[in-house]
């Protein structure tokens, strides 16, 4: 099987590449990534010499490059390529719309015209918006709150339309909050780990009681792979562990793992349009045989350990203002 993985040098994408190469000996992966700030070749160091993995620097908005790759035969496209950070989208929404919506259109159109068998479009729980009680099902109305979530919702709808209009075999996954190794430290868990390691304040928005369902990245990779093989064309699959935690709970678990004081927690002004609670109903993918293998607290401890042991990976990233700032939508 020849798989085009787009965004495969990012956090989830690089973990997926590694997962697939370890699971299947007869799989060839073409890895297309633009190498923006969050896409890094360092994420692929351990597979760079694997002959089954070929890296190409490029943009999903570059139709000519996509055509060149696909004309040589691609069985499946798995699309991770996206702008993903909510805080950045609040400051500058345009790049999110260009990549997460228009880029998805170009990618799907290229796949359609080059007879790609299947496209797996990787999305997010944030397209549903916030839910006070219960859990979102795949059929629920989309109600995104941030420019990021809106751009992802647009990409999802384009993907659905390509299936309905052109018969393109498209499946969509929507996962809850991922965490694990190689996650860029603008995101909550790695940011809190690195700051706590240095006894710096841990900034939490508002009262810190926002609830997120956390899933270890390899559980998500397994779910995406399952949907790739068993998902029905045109269908959406939520992927979630059911490990709902408030941001305060997550911060305290990190502090405990590092033997640091809870006094490091600092509450800062809340983010505009901040969703209060995310929760997904994952019954549909569980019916395919998927279930999470990694418990939250154990995986969090392993993630803390990874960041402790891999300082050369994250140290150069500390200059990024989104890693350092408490309220990053405000100008320095």
C-alpha atoms as a PDB file:
ATOM      1  CA  UNK A   1       0.000   0.000   0.000  1.00  0.00           C
ATOM      2  CA  UNK A   2       1.278   3.470  -0.908  1.00  0.00           C
ATOM      3  CA  UNK A   3       0.014   6.148   1.475  1.00  0.00           C
ATOM      4  CA  UNK A   4       0.376   9.901   1.054  1.00  0.00           C
ATOM      5  CA  UNK A   5       0.491  11.410   4.537  1.00  0.00           C
ATOM      6  CA  UNK A   6       0.100  15.182   4.454  1.00  0.00           C
ATOM      7  CA  UNK A   7       1.321  17.107   7.481  1.00  0.00           C
ATOM      8  CA  UNK A   8       3.409  14.094   8.447  1.00  0.00           C
ATOM      9  CA  UNK A   9       6.148  16.116  10.132  1.00  0.00           C
ATOM     10  CA  UNK A  10       3.763  17.569  12.700  1.00  0.00           C
ATOM     11  CA  UNK A  11       2.788  16.148  16.072  1.00  0.00           C
ATOM     12  CA  UNK A  12       0.033  13.663  15.238  1.00  0.00           C
ATOM     13  CA  UNK A  13       1.238  13.135  11.683  1.00  0.00           C
ATOM     14  CA  UNK A  14       4.767  12.106  12.668  1.00  0.00           C
ATOM     15  CA  UNK A  15       3.412   9.747  15.309  1.00  0.00           C
ATOM     16  CA  UNK A  16       1.120   8.231  12.674  1.00  0.00           C
ATOM     17  CA  UNK A  17       3.999   7.745  10.237  1.00  0.00           C
ATOM     18  CA  UNK A  18       6.012   5.992  12.949  1.00  0.00           C
ATOM     19  CA  UNK A  19       3.009   3.886  13.969  1.00  0.00           C
ATOM     20  CA  UNK A  20       2.278   2.727  10.419  1.00  0.00           C
ATOM     21  CA  UNK A  21       5.885   1.857   9.608  1.00  0.00           C
ATOM     22  CA  UNK A  22       6.147  -0.213  12.781  1.00  0.00           C
ATOM     23  CA  UNK A  23       2.826  -1.996  12.188  1.00  0.00           C
ATOM     24  CA  UNK A  24       3.055  -2.794   8.480  1.00  0.00           C
ATOM     25  CA  UNK A  25       6.209  -3.995   6.734  1.00  0.00           C
ATOM     26  CA  UNK A  26       4.697  -3.688   3.248  1.00  0.00           C
ATOM     27  CA  UNK A  27       3.549  -0.062   3.566  1.00  0.00           C
ATOM     28  CA  UNK A  28       5.250   2.795   1.716  1.00  0.00           C
ATOM     29  CA  UNK A  29       4.676   6.309   2.990  1.00  0.00           C
ATOM     30  CA  UNK A  30       5.111   9.500   0.997  1.00  0.00           C
ATOM     31  CA  UNK A  31       5.263  12.265   3.601  1.00  0.00           C
ATOM     32  CA  UNK A  32       4.355  15.765   2.403  1.00  0.00           C
ATOM     33  CA  UNK A  33       4.829  18.625   4.859  1.00  0.00           C
ATOM     34  CA  UNK A  34       5.392  22.345   4.379  1.00  0.00           C
ATOM     35  CA  UNK A  35       7.624  22.496   7.492  1.00  0.00           C
ATOM     36  CA  UNK A  36       5.953  25.492   9.062  1.00  0.00           C
ATOM     37  CA  UNK A  37       6.888  26.289  12.667  1.00  0.00           C
ATOM     38  CA  UNK A  38       5.134  23.139  13.985  1.00  0.00           C
ATOM     39  CA  UNK A  39       6.254  20.743  11.253  1.00  0.00           C
ATOM     40  CA  UNK A  40       9.804  19.672  11.990  1.00  0.00           C
ATOM     41  CA  UNK A  41      12.152  17.155  10.405  1.00  0.00           C
ATOM     42  CA  UNK A  42      13.452  16.440  13.912  1.00  0.00           C
ATOM     43  CA  UNK A  43      10.111  14.698  14.531  1.00  0.00           C
ATOM     44  CA  UNK A  44      11.132  12.103  11.941  1.00  0.00           C
ATOM     45  CA  UNK A  45      14.745  11.458  12.950  1.00  0.00           C
ATOM     46  CA  UNK A  46      14.123   7.822  13.830  1.00  0.00           C
ATOM     47  CA  UNK A  47      12.551   6.984  10.436  1.00  0.00           C
ATOM     48  CA  UNK A  48      14.585   9.231   8.128  1.00  0.00           C
ATOM     49  CA  UNK A  49      16.680   6.278   6.899  1.00  0.00           C
ATOM     50  CA  UNK A  50      13.758   3.897   6.471  1.00  0.00           C
ATOM     51  CA  UNK A  51      13.510   3.111   2.732  1.00  0.00           C
ATOM     52  CA  UNK A  52       9.718   2.823   3.058  1.00  0.00           C
ATOM     53  CA  UNK A  53       9.467   6.491   4.048  1.00  0.00           C
ATOM     54  CA  UNK A  54      10.037   9.345   1.618  1.00  0.00           C
ATOM     55  CA  UNK A  55       9.807  12.960   2.761  1.00  0.00           C
ATOM     56  CA  UNK A  56       8.828  15.769   0.390  1.00  0.00           C
ATOM     57  CA  UNK A  57       8.618  19.383   1.470  1.00  0.00           C
ATOM     58  CA  UNK A  58       5.478  20.917   0.052  1.00  0.00           C
ATOM     59  CA  UNK A  59       2.072  22.503   0.554  1.00  0.00           C
ATOM     60  CA  UNK A  60      -1.343  20.855   0.135  1.00  0.00           C
ATOM     61  CA  UNK A  61      -2.307  24.041  -1.730  1.00  0.00           C
ATOM     62  CA  UNK A  62       0.307  23.258  -4.393  1.00  0.00           C
ATOM     63  CA  UNK A  63      -1.777  21.398  -6.965  1.00  0.00           C
ATOM     64  CA  UNK A  64       1.170  20.775  -9.296  1.00  0.00           C
ATOM     65  CA  UNK A  65       3.200  19.071  -6.581  1.00  0.00           C
ATOM     66  CA  UNK A  66       0.225  16.967  -5.515  1.00  0.00           C
ATOM     67  CA  UNK A  67      -0.328  15.900  -9.126  1.00  0.00           C
ATOM     68  CA  UNK A  68       3.329  14.864  -9.434  1.00  0.00           C
ATOM     69  CA  UNK A  69       3.054  12.685  -6.336  1.00  0.00           C
ATOM     70  CA  UNK A  70      -0.311  11.154  -7.142  1.00  0.00           C
ATOM     71  CA  UNK A  71       0.378  10.326 -10.789  1.00  0.00           C
ATOM     72  CA  UNK A  72       2.899   7.734  -9.582  1.00  0.00           C
ATOM     73  CA  UNK A  73       0.139   5.872  -7.780  1.00  0.00           C
ATOM     74  CA  UNK A  74      -1.281   6.596  -4.318  1.00  0.00           C
ATOM     75  CA  UNK A  75      -3.730   4.204  -2.693  1.00  0.00           C
ATOM     76  CA  UNK A  76      -4.718   6.317   0.304  1.00  0.00           C
ATOM     77  CA  UNK A  77      -4.307   9.937   1.372  1.00  0.00           C
ATOM     78  CA  UNK A  78      -4.325  10.651   5.118  1.00  0.00           C
ATOM     79  CA  UNK A  79      -4.601  14.392   5.660  1.00  0.00           C
ATOM     80  CA  UNK A  80      -3.129  15.848   8.845  1.00  0.00           C
ATOM     81  CA  UNK A  81      -2.014  19.094   7.196  1.00  0.00           C
ATOM     82  CA  UNK A  82      -3.586  21.996   9.058  1.00  0.00           C
ATOM     83  CA  UNK A  83      -3.081  25.125  11.044  1.00  0.00           C
ATOM     84  CA  UNK A  84      -4.224  23.993  14.490  1.00  0.00           C
ATOM     85  CA  UNK A  85      -3.578  26.457  17.321  1.00  0.00           C
ATOM     86  CA  UNK A  86      -6.653  28.364  18.510  1.00  0.00           C
ATOM     87  CA  UNK A  87      -4.675  31.287  19.962  1.00  0.00           C
ATOM     88  CA  UNK A  88      -2.888  31.872  16.658  1.00  0.00           C
ATOM     89  CA  UNK A  89      -6.191  31.777  14.790  1.00  0.00           C
ATOM     90  CA  UNK A  90      -7.551  34.540  17.023  1.00  0.00           C
ATOM     91  CA  UNK A  91      -4.715  36.813  15.923  1.00  0.00           C
ATOM     92  CA  UNK A  92      -4.560  35.828  12.246  1.00  0.00           C
ATOM     93  CA  UNK A  93      -7.389  33.721  10.862  1.00  0.00           C
ATOM     94  CA  UNK A  94      -6.473  33.963   7.193  1.00  0.00           C
ATOM     95  CA  UNK A  95      -3.800  31.275   7.083  1.00  0.00           C
ATOM     96  CA  UNK A  96      -6.163  28.847   8.833  1.00  0.00           C
ATOM     97  CA  UNK A  97      -8.846  29.342   6.201  1.00  0.00           C
ATOM     98  CA  UNK A  98      -6.335  29.027   3.359  1.00  0.00           C
ATOM     99  CA  UNK A  99      -4.924  25.738   4.646  1.00  0.00           C
ATOM    100  CA  UNK A 100      -7.763  24.090   6.554  1.00  0.00           C
ATOM    101  CA  UNK A 101     -10.485  24.873   4.003  1.00  0.00           C
ATOM    102  CA  UNK A 102      -9.030  25.869   0.621  1.00  0.00           C
ATOM    103  CA  UNK A 103      -6.089  23.480   1.025  1.00  0.00           C
ATOM    104  CA  UNK A 104      -8.473  20.607   1.735  1.00  0.00           C
ATOM    105  CA  UNK A 105     -10.368  21.412  -1.463  1.00  0.00           C
ATOM    106  CA  UNK A 106      -7.194  21.337  -3.569  1.00  0.00           C
ATOM    107  CA  UNK A 107      -6.071  18.071  -1.966  1.00  0.00           C
ATOM    108  CA  UNK A 108      -9.443  16.384  -2.499  1.00  0.00           C
ATOM    109  CA  UNK A 109      -9.702  17.606  -6.063  1.00  0.00           C
ATOM    110  CA  UNK A 110      -6.241  16.275  -6.868  1.00  0.00           C
ATOM    111  CA  UNK A 111      -7.142  12.928  -5.281  1.00  0.00           C
ATOM    112  CA  UNK A 112     -10.355  12.756  -7.315  1.00  0.00           C
ATOM    113  CA  UNK A 113      -8.622  13.507 -10.606  1.00  0.00           C
ATOM    114  CA  UNK A 114      -5.801  11.038  -9.970  1.00  0.00           C
ATOM    115  CA  UNK A 115      -7.924   8.039  -8.985  1.00  0.00           C
ATOM    116  CA  UNK A 116      -6.850   7.844  -5.341  1.00  0.00           C
ATOM    117  CA  UNK A 117      -8.819   5.015  -3.770  1.00  0.00           C
ATOM    118  CA  UNK A 118      -9.483   6.614  -0.411  1.00  0.00           C
ATOM    119  CA  UNK A 119      -8.982   9.837   1.558  1.00  0.00           C
ATOM    120  CA  UNK A 120      -8.932   9.976   5.358  1.00  0.00           C
ATOM    121  CA  UNK A 121      -9.478  13.542   6.520  1.00  0.00           C
ATOM    122  CA  UNK A 122      -8.336  14.130  10.103  1.00  0.00           C
ATOM    123  CA  UNK A 123     -10.408  16.694  11.987  1.00  0.00           C
ATOM    124  CA  UNK A 124     -11.168  17.763  15.550  1.00  0.00           C
ATOM    125  CA  UNK A 125     -13.840  17.760  18.241  1.00  0.00           C
ATOM    126  CA  UNK A 126     -13.731  21.560  18.246  1.00  0.00           C
ATOM    127  CA  UNK A 127     -15.973  21.729  15.174  1.00  0.00           C
ATOM    128  CA  UNK A 128     -18.934  20.861  17.422  1.00  0.00           C
ATOM    129  CA  UNK A 129     -18.336  23.705  19.861  1.00  0.00           C
ATOM    130  CA  UNK A 130     -18.981  23.426  23.585  1.00  0.00           C
ATOM    131  CA  UNK A 131     -21.427  21.051  25.261  1.00  0.00           C
ATOM    132  CA  UNK A 132     -22.672  21.505  28.828  1.00  0.00           C
ATOM    133  CA  UNK A 133     -23.766  17.905  29.413  1.00  0.00           C
ATOM    134  CA  UNK A 134     -23.571  14.670  27.474  1.00  0.00           C
ATOM    135  CA  UNK A 135     -21.402  14.015  24.425  1.00  0.00           C
ATOM    136  CA  UNK A 136     -21.480  14.982  20.773  1.00  0.00           C
ATOM    137  CA  UNK A 137     -22.397  12.378  18.174  1.00  0.00           C
ATOM    138  CA  UNK A 138     -21.198  12.481  14.581  1.00  0.00           C
ATOM    139  CA  UNK A 139     -24.637  13.620  13.400  1.00  0.00           C
ATOM    140  CA  UNK A 140     -24.787  16.674  15.672  1.00  0.00           C
ATOM    141  CA  UNK A 141     -24.816  20.191  14.259  1.00  0.00           C
ATOM    142  CA  UNK A 142     -21.451  21.914  13.887  1.00  0.00           C
ATOM    143  CA  UNK A 143     -21.102  25.049  15.996  1.00  0.00           C
ATOM    144  CA  UNK A 144     -17.443  26.163  15.965  1.00  0.00           C
ATOM    145  CA  UNK A 145     -16.350  28.972  18.272  1.00  0.00           C
ATOM    146  CA  UNK A 146     -12.874  29.934  17.014  1.00  0.00           C
ATOM    147  CA  UNK A 147     -11.532  30.743  13.544  1.00  0.00           C
ATOM    148  CA  UNK A 148      -9.488  27.537  13.804  1.00  0.00           C
ATOM    149  CA  UNK A 149     -12.539  25.399  14.546  1.00  0.00           C
ATOM    150  CA  UNK A 150     -14.540  27.147  11.819  1.00  0.00           C
ATOM    151  CA  UNK A 151     -11.829  26.492   9.225  1.00  0.00           C
ATOM    152  CA  UNK A 152     -11.724  22.805  10.202  1.00  0.00           C
ATOM    153  CA  UNK A 153     -15.526  22.588  10.010  1.00  0.00           C
ATOM    154  CA  UNK A 154     -15.344  24.061   6.511  1.00  0.00           C
ATOM    155  CA  UNK A 155     -12.800  21.423   5.498  1.00  0.00           C
ATOM    156  CA  UNK A 156     -15.053  18.688   6.866  1.00  0.00           C
ATOM    157  CA  UNK A 157     -18.023  19.955   4.861  1.00  0.00           C
ATOM    158  CA  UNK A 158     -15.944  20.160   1.681  1.00  0.00           C
ATOM    159  CA  UNK A 159     -14.823  16.573   2.253  1.00  0.00           C
ATOM    160  CA  UNK A 160     -18.426  15.432   2.730  1.00  0.00           C
ATOM    161  CA  UNK A 161     -19.448  17.290  -0.432  1.00  0.00           C
ATOM    162  CA  UNK A 162     -16.711  15.598  -2.487  1.00  0.00           C
ATOM    163  CA  UNK A 163     -18.076  12.238  -1.423  1.00  0.00           C
ATOM    164  CA  UNK A 164     -21.686  13.135  -2.219  1.00  0.00           C
ATOM    165  CA  UNK A 165     -21.000  14.978  -5.474  1.00  0.00           C
ATOM    166  CA  UNK A 166     -18.127  13.029  -6.993  1.00  0.00           C
ATOM    167  CA  UNK A 167     -18.300   9.689  -5.207  1.00  0.00           C
ATOM    168  CA  UNK A 168     -14.817  10.132  -3.759  1.00  0.00           C
ATOM    169  CA  UNK A 169     -14.208   7.629  -0.958  1.00  0.00           C
ATOM    170  CA  UNK A 170     -13.730  10.025   1.958  1.00  0.00           C
ATOM    171  CA  UNK A 171     -13.882   9.244   5.663  1.00  0.00           C
ATOM    172  CA  UNK A 172     -13.490  11.827   8.425  1.00  0.00           C
ATOM    173  CA  UNK A 173     -12.133  11.364  11.932  1.00  0.00           C
ATOM    174  CA  UNK A 174     -12.737  13.841  14.737  1.00  0.00           C
ATOM    175  CA  UNK A 175     -10.589  13.256  17.780  1.00  0.00           C
ATOM    176  CA  UNK A 176     -10.528  14.817  21.206  1.00  0.00           C
ATOM    177  CA  UNK A 177      -7.423  16.581  22.576  1.00  0.00           C
ATOM    178  CA  UNK A 178      -4.255  14.639  21.763  1.00  0.00           C
ATOM    179  CA  UNK A 179      -1.105  14.565  23.881  1.00  0.00           C
ATOM    180  CA  UNK A 180       2.189  12.707  23.803  1.00  0.00           C
ATOM    181  CA  UNK A 181       5.743  13.003  22.449  1.00  0.00           C
ATOM    182  CA  UNK A 182       6.683  15.569  19.783  1.00  0.00           C
ATOM    183  CA  UNK A 183       3.821  17.936  20.592  1.00  0.00           C
ATOM    184  CA  UNK A 184       4.736  21.553  19.947  1.00  0.00           C
ATOM    185  CA  UNK A 185       4.970  23.391  23.309  1.00  0.00           C
ATOM    186  CA  UNK A 186       2.394  26.049  22.486  1.00  0.00           C
ATOM    187  CA  UNK A 187      -0.150  23.358  23.426  1.00  0.00           C
ATOM    188  CA  UNK A 188      -1.347  23.011  27.009  1.00  0.00           C
ATOM    189  CA  UNK A 189       0.325  19.826  28.259  1.00  0.00           C
ATOM    190  CA  UNK A 190       3.878  20.302  26.886  1.00  0.00           C
ATOM    191  CA  UNK A 191       3.751  23.988  27.772  1.00  0.00           C
ATOM    192  CA  UNK A 192       2.852  23.218  31.392  1.00  0.00           C
ATOM    193  CA  UNK A 193       5.464  20.455  31.606  1.00  0.00           C
ATOM    194  CA  UNK A 194       8.302  22.656  30.375  1.00  0.00           C
ATOM    195  CA  UNK A 195       7.299  25.627  32.515  1.00  0.00           C
ATOM    196  CA  UNK A 196       6.934  23.458  35.625  1.00  0.00           C
ATOM    197  CA  UNK A 197      10.368  21.920  35.009  1.00  0.00           C
ATOM    198  CA  UNK A 198      11.809  25.432  35.309  1.00  0.00           C
ATOM    199  CA  UNK A 199       9.607  26.543  38.232  1.00  0.00           C
ATOM    200  CA  UNK A 200       7.856  29.080  36.023  1.00  0.00           C
ATOM    201  CA  UNK A 201       4.164  29.971  36.493  1.00  0.00           C
ATOM    202  CA  UNK A 202       1.662  27.672  34.811  1.00  0.00           C
ATOM    203  CA  UNK A 203      -0.879  29.967  33.091  1.00  0.00           C
ATOM    204  CA  UNK A 204      -4.460  28.705  33.034  1.00  0.00           C
ATOM    205  CA  UNK A 205      -7.202  30.627  31.257  1.00  0.00           C
ATOM    206  CA  UNK A 206     -10.088  31.968  33.345  1.00  0.00           C
ATOM    207  CA  UNK A 207     -10.884  29.716  36.303  1.00  0.00           C
ATOM    208  CA  UNK A 208      -9.082  26.710  34.785  1.00  0.00           C
ATOM    209  CA  UNK A 209     -12.197  24.554  34.939  1.00  0.00           C
ATOM    210  CA  UNK A 210     -12.594  24.058  31.207  1.00  0.00           C
ATOM    211  CA  UNK A 211     -13.034  20.336  30.496  1.00  0.00           C
ATOM    212  CA  UNK A 212     -11.216  18.506  27.727  1.00  0.00           C
ATOM    213  CA  UNK A 213     -11.314  14.821  26.791  1.00  0.00           C
ATOM    214  CA  UNK A 214      -7.675  13.747  26.492  1.00  0.00           C
ATOM    215  CA  UNK A 215      -6.463  10.946  24.235  1.00  0.00           C
ATOM    216  CA  UNK A 216      -2.914   9.641  23.960  1.00  0.00           C
ATOM    217  CA  UNK A 217      -1.680  10.216  20.430  1.00  0.00           C
ATOM    218  CA  UNK A 218      -1.027   6.534  19.673  1.00  0.00           C
ATOM    219  CA  UNK A 219      -4.624   5.662  20.530  1.00  0.00           C
ATOM    220  CA  UNK A 220      -5.716   8.245  17.973  1.00  0.00           C
ATOM    221  CA  UNK A 221      -3.264   6.838  15.408  1.00  0.00           C
ATOM    222  CA  UNK A 222      -4.747   3.381  15.901  1.00  0.00           C
ATOM    223  CA  UNK A 223      -8.240   4.787  15.479  1.00  0.00           C
ATOM    224  CA  UNK A 224      -7.311   6.592  12.273  1.00  0.00           C
ATOM    225  CA  UNK A 225      -5.748   3.420  10.901  1.00  0.00           C
ATOM    226  CA  UNK A 226      -8.873   1.425  11.741  1.00  0.00           C
ATOM    227  CA  UNK A 227     -11.112   3.969  10.031  1.00  0.00           C
ATOM    228  CA  UNK A 228      -8.798   3.900   7.014  1.00  0.00           C
ATOM    229  CA  UNK A 229      -9.332   0.141   6.681  1.00  0.00           C
ATOM    230  CA  UNK A 230     -12.901  -0.317   7.921  1.00  0.00           C
ATOM    231  CA  UNK A 231     -14.631   3.055   7.781  1.00  0.00           C
ATOM    232  CA  UNK A 232     -17.591   3.472   5.442  1.00  0.00           C
ATOM    233  CA  UNK A 233     -17.301   6.021   2.618  1.00  0.00           C
ATOM    234  CA  UNK A 234     -18.770   9.406   3.517  1.00  0.00           C
ATOM    235  CA  UNK A 235     -18.928   8.610   7.234  1.00  0.00           C
ATOM    236  CA  UNK A 236     -17.515  10.491  10.249  1.00  0.00           C
ATOM    237  CA  UNK A 237     -15.957   8.783  13.262  1.00  0.00           C
ATOM    238  CA  UNK A 238     -15.380  10.410  16.649  1.00  0.00           C
ATOM    239  CA  UNK A 239     -12.240   9.177  18.420  1.00  0.00           C
ATOM    240  CA  UNK A 240     -12.185   9.825  22.153  1.00  0.00           C
ATOM    241  CA  UNK A 241     -11.005   8.061  25.283  1.00  0.00           C
ATOM    242  CA  UNK A 242     -13.604   9.358  27.721  1.00  0.00           C
ATOM    243  CA  UNK A 243     -10.834  10.813  29.919  1.00  0.00           C
ATOM    244  CA  UNK A 244     -12.411  14.167  30.673  1.00  0.00           C
ATOM    245  CA  UNK A 245     -10.315  16.416  32.914  1.00  0.00           C
ATOM    246  CA  UNK A 246     -10.388  20.079  33.859  1.00  0.00           C
ATOM    247  CA  UNK A 247      -7.311  22.104  33.013  1.00  0.00           C
ATOM    248  CA  UNK A 248      -6.632  22.495  36.746  1.00  0.00           C
ATOM    249  CA  UNK A 249      -6.637  18.716  37.178  1.00  0.00           C
ATOM    250  CA  UNK A 250      -4.180  18.311  34.302  1.00  0.00           C
ATOM    251  CA  UNK A 251      -1.891  20.997  35.726  1.00  0.00           C
ATOM    252  CA  UNK A 252      -1.933  19.396  39.166  1.00  0.00           C
ATOM    253  CA  UNK A 253      -1.091  15.958  37.763  1.00  0.00           C
ATOM    254  CA  UNK A 254       1.887  17.433  35.909  1.00  0.00           C
ATOM    255  CA  UNK A 255       3.071  19.228  39.034  1.00  0.00           C
ATOM    256  CA  UNK A 256       2.729  16.009  41.020  1.00  0.00           C
ATOM    257  CA  UNK A 257       4.745  14.058  38.439  1.00  0.00           C
ATOM    258  CA  UNK A 258       7.516  16.650  38.696  1.00  0.00           C
ATOM    259  CA  UNK A 259       7.267  17.033  42.502  1.00  0.00           C
ATOM    260  CA  UNK A 260       6.450  20.719  42.118  1.00  0.00           C
ATOM    261  CA  UNK A 261       4.193  22.967  44.170  1.00  0.00           C
ATOM    262  CA  UNK A 262       0.616  23.754  43.121  1.00  0.00           C
ATOM    263  CA  UNK A 263       1.447  27.371  43.909  1.00  0.00           C
ATOM    264  CA  UNK A 264       2.964  27.580  40.411  1.00  0.00           C
ATOM    265  CA  UNK A 265      -0.549  27.692  38.910  1.00  0.00           C
ATOM    266  CA  UNK A 266      -1.438  31.199  37.711  1.00  0.00           C
ATOM    267  CA  UNK A 267      -4.856  32.197  36.416  1.00  0.00           C
ATOM    268  CA  UNK A 268      -4.825  34.604  33.470  1.00  0.00           C
ATOM    269  CA  UNK A 269      -7.533  36.413  31.510  1.00  0.00           C
ATOM    270  CA  UNK A 270      -9.679  34.001  29.548  1.00  0.00           C
ATOM    271  CA  UNK A 271      -9.350  33.430  25.824  1.00  0.00           C
ATOM    272  CA  UNK A 272     -12.003  35.049  23.590  1.00  0.00           C
ATOM    273  CA  UNK A 273     -14.722  32.566  22.656  1.00  0.00           C
ATOM    274  CA  UNK A 274     -13.220  29.903  24.909  1.00  0.00           C
ATOM    275  CA  UNK A 275     -15.293  26.691  24.831  1.00  0.00           C
ATOM    276  CA  UNK A 276     -16.166  25.382  28.271  1.00  0.00           C
ATOM    277  CA  UNK A 277     -16.443  21.644  27.705  1.00  0.00           C
ATOM    278  CA  UNK A 278     -15.705  19.145  24.960  1.00  0.00           C
ATOM    279  CA  UNK A 279     -17.001  15.595  24.986  1.00  0.00           C
ATOM    280  CA  UNK A 280     -17.390  13.048  22.184  1.00  0.00           C
ATOM    281  CA  UNK A 281     -19.489   9.928  21.897  1.00  0.00           C
ATOM    282  CA  UNK A 282     -17.109   7.333  20.440  1.00  0.00           C
ATOM    283  CA  UNK A 283     -19.610   4.445  20.211  1.00  0.00           C
ATOM    284  CA  UNK A 284     -19.398   4.398  16.409  1.00  0.00           C
ATOM    285  CA  UNK A 285     -15.665   3.705  16.207  1.00  0.00           C
ATOM    286  CA  UNK A 286     -15.875   1.330  19.156  1.00  0.00           C
ATOM    287  CA  UNK A 287     -18.335  -0.704  17.070  1.00  0.00           C
ATOM    288  CA  UNK A 288     -15.458  -1.220  14.602  1.00  0.00           C
ATOM    289  CA  UNK A 289     -13.388  -2.759  17.394  1.00  0.00           C
ATOM    290  CA  UNK A 290     -11.425   0.257  18.614  1.00  0.00           C
ATOM    291  CA  UNK A 291     -10.869   1.099  22.257  1.00  0.00           C
ATOM    292  CA  UNK A 292      -8.150   3.144  23.969  1.00  0.00           C
ATOM    293  CA  UNK A 293      -5.141   1.192  25.191  1.00  0.00           C
ATOM    294  CA  UNK A 294      -3.430   3.964  27.135  1.00  0.00           C
ATOM    295  CA  UNK A 295      -4.781   5.323  30.425  1.00  0.00           C
ATOM    296  CA  UNK A 296      -4.598   9.065  30.902  1.00  0.00           C
ATOM    297  CA  UNK A 297      -2.533   9.323  34.079  1.00  0.00           C
ATOM    298  CA  UNK A 298       0.017   6.684  33.065  1.00  0.00           C
ATOM    299  CA  UNK A 299       0.436   8.181  29.604  1.00  0.00           C
ATOM    300  CA  UNK A 300       0.755  11.650  31.081  1.00  0.00           C
ATOM    301  CA  UNK A 301       3.615  10.462  33.296  1.00  0.00           C
ATOM    302  CA  UNK A 302       5.317   8.940  30.241  1.00  0.00           C
ATOM    303  CA  UNK A 303       4.832  12.206  28.369  1.00  0.00           C
ATOM    304  CA  UNK A 304       6.404  14.159  31.232  1.00  0.00           C
ATOM    305  CA  UNK A 305       9.320  11.738  31.135  1.00  0.00           C
ATOM    306  CA  UNK A 306       9.707  12.211  27.375  1.00  0.00           C
ATOM    307  CA  UNK A 307       9.980  15.989  27.700  1.00  0.00           C
ATOM    308  CA  UNK A 308      12.482  15.627  30.532  1.00  0.00           C
ATOM    309  CA  UNK A 309      14.629  13.324  28.410  1.00  0.00           C
ATOM    310  CA  UNK A 310      14.328  15.273  25.144  1.00  0.00           C
ATOM    311  CA  UNK A 311      15.316  18.819  26.020  1.00  0.00           C
ATOM    312  CA  UNK A 312      17.390  19.222  22.806  1.00  0.00           C
ATOM    313  CA  UNK A 313      14.146  18.752  20.865  1.00  0.00           C
ATOM    314  CA  UNK A 314      12.134  21.477  22.607  1.00  0.00           C
ATOM    315  CA  UNK A 315      14.821  23.893  23.824  1.00  0.00           C
ATOM    316  CA  UNK A 316      15.069  25.784  20.475  1.00  0.00           C
ATOM    317  CA  UNK A 317      11.307  26.354  20.518  1.00  0.00           C
ATOM    318  CA  UNK A 318      11.241  28.431  23.690  1.00  0.00           C
ATOM    319  CA  UNK A 319      11.830  31.640  21.761  1.00  0.00           C
ATOM    320  CA  UNK A 320       8.349  31.331  20.206  1.00  0.00           C
ATOM    321  CA  UNK A 321       6.117  33.994  21.753  1.00  0.00           C
ATOM    322  CA  UNK A 322       3.170  31.579  21.856  1.00  0.00           C
ATOM    323  CA  UNK A 323       5.200  29.243  24.034  1.00  0.00           C
ATOM    324  CA  UNK A 324       6.186  32.020  26.432  1.00  0.00           C
ATOM    325  CA  UNK A 325       3.191  34.371  26.618  1.00  0.00           C
ATOM    326  CA  UNK A 326       0.390  33.977  29.169  1.00  0.00           C
ATOM    327  CA  UNK A 327      -2.212  35.690  26.965  1.00  0.00           C
ATOM    328  CA  UNK A 328      -0.812  35.135  23.473  1.00  0.00           C
ATOM    329  CA  UNK A 329      -3.558  36.925  21.557  1.00  0.00           C
ATOM    330  CA  UNK A 330      -2.372  40.172  23.139  1.00  0.00           C
ATOM    331  CA  UNK A 331       0.499  41.952  21.456  1.00  0.00           C
ATOM    332  CA  UNK A 332       3.765  41.781  23.440  1.00  0.00           C
END
